[in-house]
C-alpha atoms as a PDB file:
ATOM      1  CA  MET A   1     -16.922 -10.967  37.565  1.00  0.00           C
ATOM      2  CA  LYS A   2     -14.354 -10.196  34.894  1.00  0.00           C
ATOM      3  CA  LYS A   3     -16.742 -11.378  32.187  1.00  0.00           C
ATOM      4  CA  ASP A   4     -19.442  -9.083  33.591  1.00  0.00           C
ATOM      5  CA  ILE A   5     -17.058  -6.128  33.379  1.00  0.00           C
ATOM      6  CA  GLU A   6     -16.071  -7.005  29.820  1.00  0.00           C
ATOM      7  CA  LYS A   7     -19.744  -7.312  28.885  1.00  0.00           C
ATOM      8  CA  ALA A   8     -20.467  -3.871  30.349  1.00  0.00           C
ATOM      9  CA  LEU A   9     -17.569  -2.367  28.413  1.00  0.00           C
ATOM     10  CA  MET A  10     -18.748  -4.008  25.208  1.00  0.00           C
ATOM     11  CA  GLU A  11     -22.228  -2.581  25.751  1.00  0.00           C
ATOM     12  CA  PHE A  12     -20.671   0.843  26.279  1.00  0.00           C
ATOM     13  CA  LEU A  13     -18.735   0.460  23.023  1.00  0.00           C
ATOM     14  CA  MET A  14     -21.872  -0.565  21.176  1.00  0.00           C
ATOM     15  CA  ASP A  15     -23.485   2.771  22.029  1.00  0.00           C
ATOM     16  CA  VAL A  16     -20.581   4.900  20.724  1.00  0.00           C
ATOM     17  CA  ARG A  17     -21.548   6.834  17.591  1.00  0.00           C
ATOM     18  CA  THR A  18     -18.908   7.354  14.907  1.00  0.00           C
ATOM     19  CA  THR A  19     -19.003   9.974  12.165  1.00  0.00           C
ATOM     20  CA  GLY A  20     -16.549  12.006  10.102  1.00  0.00           C
ATOM     21  CA  GLN A  21     -14.898  12.234   6.706  1.00  0.00           C
ATOM     22  CA  GLU A  22     -13.020   8.954   7.125  1.00  0.00           C
ATOM     23  CA  ARG A  23     -16.287   7.154   7.782  1.00  0.00           C
ATOM     24  CA  LYS A  24     -17.733   8.591   4.574  1.00  0.00           C
ATOM     25  CA  LYS A  25     -14.645   7.487   2.639  1.00  0.00           C
ATOM     26  CA  GLY A  26     -14.984   3.943   3.930  1.00  0.00           C
ATOM     27  CA  ILE A  27     -11.898   3.986   6.154  1.00  0.00           C
ATOM     28  CA  PRO A  28     -12.346   1.832   9.283  1.00  0.00           C
ATOM     29  CA  LEU A  29     -12.655   3.741  12.553  1.00  0.00           C
ATOM     30  CA  ILE A  30     -11.200   2.427  15.796  1.00  0.00           C
ATOM     31  CA  THR A  31     -12.706   3.250  19.196  1.00  0.00           C
ATOM     32  CA  PHE A  32     -10.761   2.536  22.400  1.00  0.00           C
ATOM     33  CA  VAL A  33     -12.148   2.263  25.932  1.00  0.00           C
ATOM     34  CA  TYR A  34     -10.711   1.082  29.226  1.00  0.00           C
ATOM     35  CA  LYS A  35     -12.091   0.288  32.673  1.00  0.00           C
ATOM     36  CA  GLU A  36     -11.662   2.844  35.452  1.00  0.00           C
ATOM     37  CA  LYS A  37     -12.976   1.441  38.745  1.00  0.00           C
ATOM     38  CA  ASP A  38     -16.632   0.699  38.039  1.00  0.00           C
ATOM     39  CA  ARG A  39     -17.053   2.672  34.825  1.00  0.00           C
ATOM     40  CA  ALA A  40     -16.032   2.562  31.180  1.00  0.00           C
ATOM     41  CA  VAL A  41     -13.922   5.455  29.872  1.00  0.00           C
ATOM     42  CA  LEU A  42     -13.807   6.441  26.215  1.00  0.00           C
ATOM     43  CA  LEU A  43     -10.139   6.909  25.340  1.00  0.00           C
ATOM     44  CA  LYS A  44     -10.356   8.032  21.716  1.00  0.00           C
ATOM     45  CA  VAL A  45     -11.937   7.401  18.330  1.00  0.00           C
ATOM     46  CA  LEU A  46      -9.471   7.428  15.433  1.00  0.00           C
ATOM     47  CA  PRO A  47      -9.317   6.456  11.767  1.00  0.00           C
ATOM     48  CA  LEU A  48      -7.210   3.349  11.190  1.00  0.00           C
ATOM     49  CA  PRO A  49      -4.048   5.172   9.961  1.00  0.00           C
ATOM     50  CA  LEU A  50      -3.890   7.230  13.180  1.00  0.00           C
ATOM     51  CA  ALA A  51      -4.969   4.538  15.621  1.00  0.00           C
ATOM     52  CA  ASP A  52      -2.232   3.788  18.112  1.00  0.00           C
ATOM     53  CA  ILE A  53      -1.815   3.147  21.808  1.00  0.00           C
ATOM     54  CA  GLN A  54       0.604   5.085  24.002  1.00  0.00           C
ATOM     55  CA  PRO A  55       1.366   3.105  27.172  1.00  0.00           C
ATOM     56  CA  GLU A  56       2.947   6.149  28.797  1.00  0.00           C
ATOM     57  CA  GLU A  57      -0.551   7.552  29.194  1.00  0.00           C
ATOM     58  CA  LYS A  58      -0.977   7.115  32.946  1.00  0.00           C
ATOM     59  CA  GLN A  59      -4.587   5.990  32.785  1.00  0.00           C
ATOM     60  CA  LEU A  60      -3.566   2.896  30.800  1.00  0.00           C
ATOM     61  CA  ALA A  61      -0.970   1.589  33.246  1.00  0.00           C
ATOM     62  CA  GLY A  62      -1.613  -2.118  33.782  1.00  0.00           C
ATOM     63  CA  LYS A  63      -4.938  -2.048  31.952  1.00  0.00           C
ATOM     64  CA  GLU A  64      -6.343  -3.997  29.063  1.00  0.00           C
ATOM     65  CA  VAL A  65      -7.842  -1.894  26.289  1.00  0.00           C
ATOM     66  CA  LEU A  66     -11.079  -2.793  24.566  1.00  0.00           C
ATOM     67  CA  TYR A  67     -11.598  -1.731  20.988  1.00  0.00           C
ATOM     68  CA  ARG A  68     -14.397  -1.436  18.496  1.00  0.00           C
ATOM     69  CA  VAL A  69     -13.882  -1.361  14.722  1.00  0.00           C
ATOM     70  CA  ASP A  70     -16.508   0.301  12.522  1.00  0.00           C
ATOM     71  CA  PHE A  71     -16.206  -0.906   8.945  1.00  0.00           C
ATOM     72  CA  PHE A  72     -18.159  -2.019   5.907  1.00  0.00           C
ATOM     73  CA  ARG A  73     -18.441  -5.559   4.587  1.00  0.00           C
ATOM     74  CA  GLU A  74     -20.356  -6.535   1.472  1.00  0.00           C
ATOM     75  CA  GLY A  75     -21.989  -3.119   1.464  1.00  0.00           C
ATOM     76  CA  GLU A  76     -23.273  -3.215   5.032  1.00  0.00           C
ATOM     77  CA  ALA A  77     -22.053  -1.304   8.081  1.00  0.00           C
ATOM     78  CA  LYS A  78     -20.485  -3.674  10.600  1.00  0.00           C
ATOM     79  CA  VAL A  79     -18.837  -3.507  14.003  1.00  0.00           C
ATOM     80  CA  SER A  80     -16.347  -5.868  15.598  1.00  0.00           C
ATOM     81  CA  PHE A  81     -14.999  -5.927  19.141  1.00  0.00           C
ATOM     82  CA  GLY A  82     -11.941  -7.264  20.882  1.00  0.00           C
ATOM     83  CA  ILE A  83      -9.611  -6.879  23.837  1.00  0.00           C
ATOM     84  CA  LEU A  84      -5.946  -5.954  23.579  1.00  0.00           C
ATOM     85  CA  PRO A  85      -3.611  -7.253  26.289  1.00  0.00           C
ATOM     86  CA  VAL A  86      -1.839  -4.841  28.633  1.00  0.00           C
ATOM     87  CA  VAL A  87       0.196  -2.565  26.358  1.00  0.00           C
ATOM     88  CA  LYS A  88       3.875  -2.244  27.240  1.00  0.00           C
ATOM     89  CA  LYS A  89       5.187  -0.201  24.301  1.00  0.00           C
ATOM     90  CA  SER A  90       3.929   2.394  21.852  1.00  0.00           C
ATOM     91  CA  ALA A  91       2.610   0.732  18.731  1.00  0.00           C
ATOM     92  CA  PRO A  92      -0.025   1.120  16.025  1.00  0.00           C
ATOM     93  CA  PHE A  93      -3.303  -0.574  16.809  1.00  0.00           C
ATOM     94  CA  LEU A  94      -2.930  -2.915  13.850  1.00  0.00           C
ATOM     95  CA  ALA A  95       0.479  -4.145  15.056  1.00  0.00           C
ATOM     96  CA  LEU A  96      -0.899  -4.787  18.551  1.00  0.00           C
ATOM     97  CA  LEU A  97      -3.908  -6.605  17.137  1.00  0.00           C
ATOM     98  CA  GLU A  98      -1.776  -8.754  14.843  1.00  0.00           C
ATOM     99  CA  ASP A  99       0.566  -9.741  17.683  1.00  0.00           C
ATOM    100  CA  ALA A 100      -2.364 -10.657  19.929  1.00  0.00           C
ATOM    101  CA  VAL A 101      -4.087 -12.698  17.214  1.00  0.00           C
ATOM    102  CA  LYS A 102      -0.863 -14.544  16.354  1.00  0.00           C
ATOM    103  CA  SER A 103      -0.344 -15.368  20.031  1.00  0.00           C
ATOM    104  CA  GLY A 104      -3.631 -17.261  19.987  1.00  0.00           C
ATOM    105  CA  ASP A 105      -5.500 -14.824  22.234  1.00  0.00           C
ATOM    106  CA  ARG A 106      -9.112 -15.465  21.223  1.00  0.00           C
ATOM    107  CA  ARG A 107     -10.324 -12.307  22.939  1.00  0.00           C
ATOM    108  CA  ALA A 108      -8.200 -10.169  20.619  1.00  0.00           C
ATOM    109  CA  GLY A 109     -10.436 -10.599  17.594  1.00  0.00           C
ATOM    110  CA  HIS A 110     -10.913 -12.531  14.384  1.00  0.00           C
ATOM    111  CA  PRO A 111      -7.896 -13.255  12.134  1.00  0.00           C
ATOM    112  CA  TRP A 112      -9.904 -12.250   9.052  1.00  0.00           C
ATOM    113  CA  LEU A 113     -10.493  -8.812  10.570  1.00  0.00           C
ATOM    114  CA  CYS A 114      -6.752  -8.354  10.984  1.00  0.00           C
ATOM    115  CA  ASP A 115      -6.175  -9.225   7.316  1.00  0.00           C
ATOM    116  CA  TYR A 116      -8.991  -6.913   6.217  1.00  0.00           C
ATOM    117  CA  LEU A 117      -7.545  -4.008   8.200  1.00  0.00           C
ATOM    118  CA  LYS A 118      -4.059  -4.638   6.783  1.00  0.00           C
ATOM    119  CA  PHE A 119      -5.423  -4.142   3.270  1.00  0.00           C
ATOM    120  CA  HIS A 120      -7.113  -0.915   4.352  1.00  0.00           C
ATOM    121  CA  SER A 121      -3.927   0.259   6.063  1.00  0.00           C
ATOM    122  CA  ALA A 122      -1.939  -0.298   2.859  1.00  0.00           C
ATOM    123  CA  LEU A 123      -4.491   1.712   0.868  1.00  0.00           C
ATOM    124  CA  CYS A 124      -4.316   4.552   3.409  1.00  0.00           C
ATOM    125  CA  GLY A 125      -0.529   4.594   3.059  1.00  0.00           C
ATOM    126  CA  LEU A 126      -0.797   4.800  -0.731  1.00  0.00           C
ATOM    127  CA  GLU A 127      -3.347   7.597  -0.458  1.00  0.00           C
ATOM    128  CA  ALA A 128      -1.087   9.617   1.844  1.00  0.00           C
ATOM    129  CA  LEU A 129       1.886   9.142  -0.510  1.00  0.00           C
ATOM    130  CA  ALA A 130      -0.133  10.150  -3.576  1.00  0.00           C
ATOM    131  CA  ARG A 131      -1.495  13.283  -1.913  1.00  0.00           C
ATOM    132  CA  ARG A 132       2.003  14.345  -0.815  1.00  0.00           C
ATOM    133  CA  GLU A 133       3.324  13.896  -4.352  1.00  0.00           C
ATOM    134  CA  LEU A 134       0.407  15.802  -5.870  1.00  0.00           C
ATOM    135  CA  SER A 135       0.889  18.642  -3.397  1.00  0.00           C
ATOM    136  CA  PHE A 136       4.618  18.757  -4.166  1.00  0.00           C
ATOM    137  CA  ALA A 137       3.928  18.745  -7.919  1.00  0.00           C
ATOM    138  CA  GLY A 138       1.568  21.687  -7.516  1.00  0.00           C
ATOM    139  CA  GLN A 139       4.220  23.655  -5.630  1.00  0.00           C
ATOM    140  CA  LYS A 140       6.854  22.918  -8.288  1.00  0.00           C
ATOM    141  CA  ARG A 141       4.602  24.119 -11.095  1.00  0.00           C
ATOM    142  CA  GLN A 142       3.860  27.344  -9.247  1.00  0.00           C
ATOM    143  CA  GLY A 143       7.554  27.969  -8.603  1.00  0.00           C
ATOM    144  CA  SER A 144       8.820  27.455 -12.172  1.00  0.00           C
ATOM    145  CA  ALA A 145       8.086  30.966 -13.512  1.00  0.00           C
ATOM    146  CA  GLY A 146      11.723  32.134 -13.337  1.00  0.00           C
ATOM    147  CA  GLU A 147      13.288  29.133 -15.109  1.00  0.00           C
ATOM    148  CA  GLU A 148      14.529  29.065 -18.682  1.00  0.00           C
ATOM    149  CA  GLU A 149      11.886  28.097 -21.256  1.00  0.00           C
ATOM    150  CA  ILE A 150      13.374  24.706 -22.273  1.00  0.00           C
ATOM    151  CA  SER A 151      14.029  23.667 -18.696  1.00  0.00           C
ATOM    152  CA  ARG A 152      10.538  24.706 -17.689  1.00  0.00           C
ATOM    153  CA  LYS A 153       8.911  22.721 -20.484  1.00  0.00           C
ATOM    154  CA  THR A 154      10.903  19.615 -19.555  1.00  0.00           C
ATOM    155  CA  GLN A 155      10.021  20.032 -15.895  1.00  0.00           C
ATOM    156  CA  ASP A 156       6.376  20.713 -16.673  1.00  0.00           C
ATOM    157  CA  GLY A 157       6.217  17.566 -18.796  1.00  0.00           C
ATOM    158  CA  TYR A 158       7.564  15.433 -15.979  1.00  0.00           C
ATOM    159  CA  THR A 159       5.338  17.150 -13.430  1.00  0.00           C
ATOM    160  CA  LEU A 160       2.251  16.564 -15.562  1.00  0.00           C
ATOM    161  CA  ALA A 161       3.166  12.901 -16.018  1.00  0.00           C
ATOM    162  CA  ASN A 162       3.835  12.516 -12.301  1.00  0.00           C
ATOM    163  CA  THR A 163       0.535  14.208 -11.488  1.00  0.00           C
ATOM    164  CA  ALA A 164      -1.309  11.886 -13.853  1.00  0.00           C
ATOM    165  CA  TYR A 165       0.326   8.834 -12.269  1.00  0.00           C
ATOM    166  CA  TYR A 166      -0.497   9.736  -8.682  1.00  0.00           C
ATOM    167  CA  SER A 167      -4.024  10.671  -9.698  1.00  0.00           C
ATOM    168  CA  GLU A 168      -4.221   7.115 -11.032  1.00  0.00           C
ATOM    169  CA  VAL A 169      -2.960   5.853  -7.659  1.00  0.00           C
ATOM    170  CA  LEU A 170      -5.784   7.727  -5.913  1.00  0.00           C
ATOM    171  CA  SER A 171      -8.235   6.120  -8.313  1.00  0.00           C
ATOM    172  CA  TYR A 172      -6.746   2.725  -7.410  1.00  0.00           C
ATOM    173  CA  VAL A 173      -7.222   3.499  -3.703  1.00  0.00           C
ATOM    174  CA  ARG A 174     -10.887   4.392  -4.219  1.00  0.00           C
ATOM    175  CA  THR A 175     -11.462   1.229  -6.247  1.00  0.00           C
ATOM    176  CA  GLY A 176      -9.666  -0.859  -3.638  1.00  0.00           C
ATOM    177  CA  ARG A 177     -11.817   0.530  -0.839  1.00  0.00           C
ATOM    178  CA  ASP A 178     -14.973  -0.112  -2.826  1.00  0.00           C
ATOM    179  CA  ILE A 179     -13.937  -3.740  -3.315  1.00  0.00           C
ATOM    180  CA  LEU A 180     -13.018  -4.261   0.343  1.00  0.00           C
ATOM    181  CA  ASN A 181     -16.196  -2.624   1.598  1.00  0.00           C
ATOM    182  CA  ALA A 182     -18.816  -3.700  -0.930  1.00  0.00           C
ATOM    183  CA  CYS A 183     -17.718  -6.920  -2.653  1.00  0.00           C
ATOM    184  CA  PRO A 184     -17.797 -10.495  -1.335  1.00  0.00           C
ATOM    185  CA  ALA A 185     -14.883 -11.421   0.918  1.00  0.00           C
ATOM    186  CA  GLY A 186     -11.897 -12.652  -1.059  1.00  0.00           C
ATOM    187  CA  THR A 187     -12.546 -10.509  -4.134  1.00  0.00           C
ATOM    188  CA  PRO A 188      -9.055  -9.648  -5.443  1.00  0.00           C
ATOM    189  CA  LEU A 189      -7.889  -6.071  -5.832  1.00  0.00           C
ATOM    190  CA  PRO A 190      -6.916  -4.924  -9.343  1.00  0.00           C
ATOM    191  CA  PRO A 191      -3.231  -4.798 -10.323  1.00  0.00           C
ATOM    192  CA  PHE A 192      -1.425  -1.801  -8.865  1.00  0.00           C
ATOM    193  CA  PRO A 193      -0.517   0.761 -11.575  1.00  0.00           C
ATOM    194  CA  ASP A 194       3.118   0.171 -12.547  1.00  0.00           C
ATOM    195  CA  ARG A 195       4.911   3.517 -12.476  1.00  0.00           C
ATOM    196  CA  SER A 196       7.460   2.865 -15.236  1.00  0.00           C
ATOM    197  CA  ALA A 197       4.853   1.492 -17.636  1.00  0.00           C
ATOM    198  CA  PHE A 198       2.424   4.316 -16.847  1.00  0.00           C
ATOM    199  CA  MET A 199       5.031   7.056 -17.333  1.00  0.00           C
ATOM    200  CA  ALA A 200       6.295   5.546 -20.599  1.00  0.00           C
ATOM    201  CA  LYS A 201       2.748   5.314 -21.938  1.00  0.00           C
ATOM    202  CA  TRP A 202       1.955   8.873 -20.849  1.00  0.00           C
ATOM    203  CA  TYR A 203       5.043  10.306 -22.545  1.00  0.00           C
ATOM    204  CA  GLY A 204       4.286   8.311 -25.690  1.00  0.00           C
ATOM    205  CA  GLU A 205       0.723   9.603 -25.850  1.00  0.00           C
ATOM    206  CA  ASN A 206       1.604  13.206 -24.993  1.00  0.00           C
ATOM    207  CA  ARG A 207       4.944  13.441 -26.818  1.00  0.00           C
ATOM    208  CA  GLN A 208       6.651  15.246 -23.990  1.00  0.00           C
ATOM    209  CA  GLY A 209      10.026  13.624 -24.501  1.00  0.00           C
ATOM    210  CA  SER A 210      11.612  10.667 -22.787  1.00  0.00           C
ATOM    211  CA  LEU A 211      12.033   9.746 -19.132  1.00  0.00           C
END
């Protein structure tokens, strides 16, 4: 009986349609459903960085949560399914999945999927950091009109270098996603841009002074 219910939930998940900017960018999307009496209930569809489970949500009390991951592998759209055990504390989806996989729960999902999602999660974190820094740099440049000329030039030089570096980080993120989504499994990511080396090279090429 339980297997029949799980099969029905999986079929429900298979019919869920996912769209959005994250999908276009190649970020995995996570869909959650749970069983309510004799029907499947769609809980939420979230991009990987925002995917978490809140056990205080009353409808989840004592329930297992089924998930679907929409992702790309070797250039093709893929889906993978699994079942998370009863959630007892708030946690990101990836942490819950990793714990379940490490415990040996075969229903949780494939270990390779967990590793793949961890790489994507790291890239999402880098993207968020880079966008915050670029936004902050833009605000600083707009607010420098009242400063003394020498101070402003020094600040502008650093801001330009910082902007160039985090733009490079965004380029790294895009390249990393392309590799994860389109290249054969196991293809290594390129070296992460070293900040100190990048800034020193930028200052040398642009003659804006020293760090």
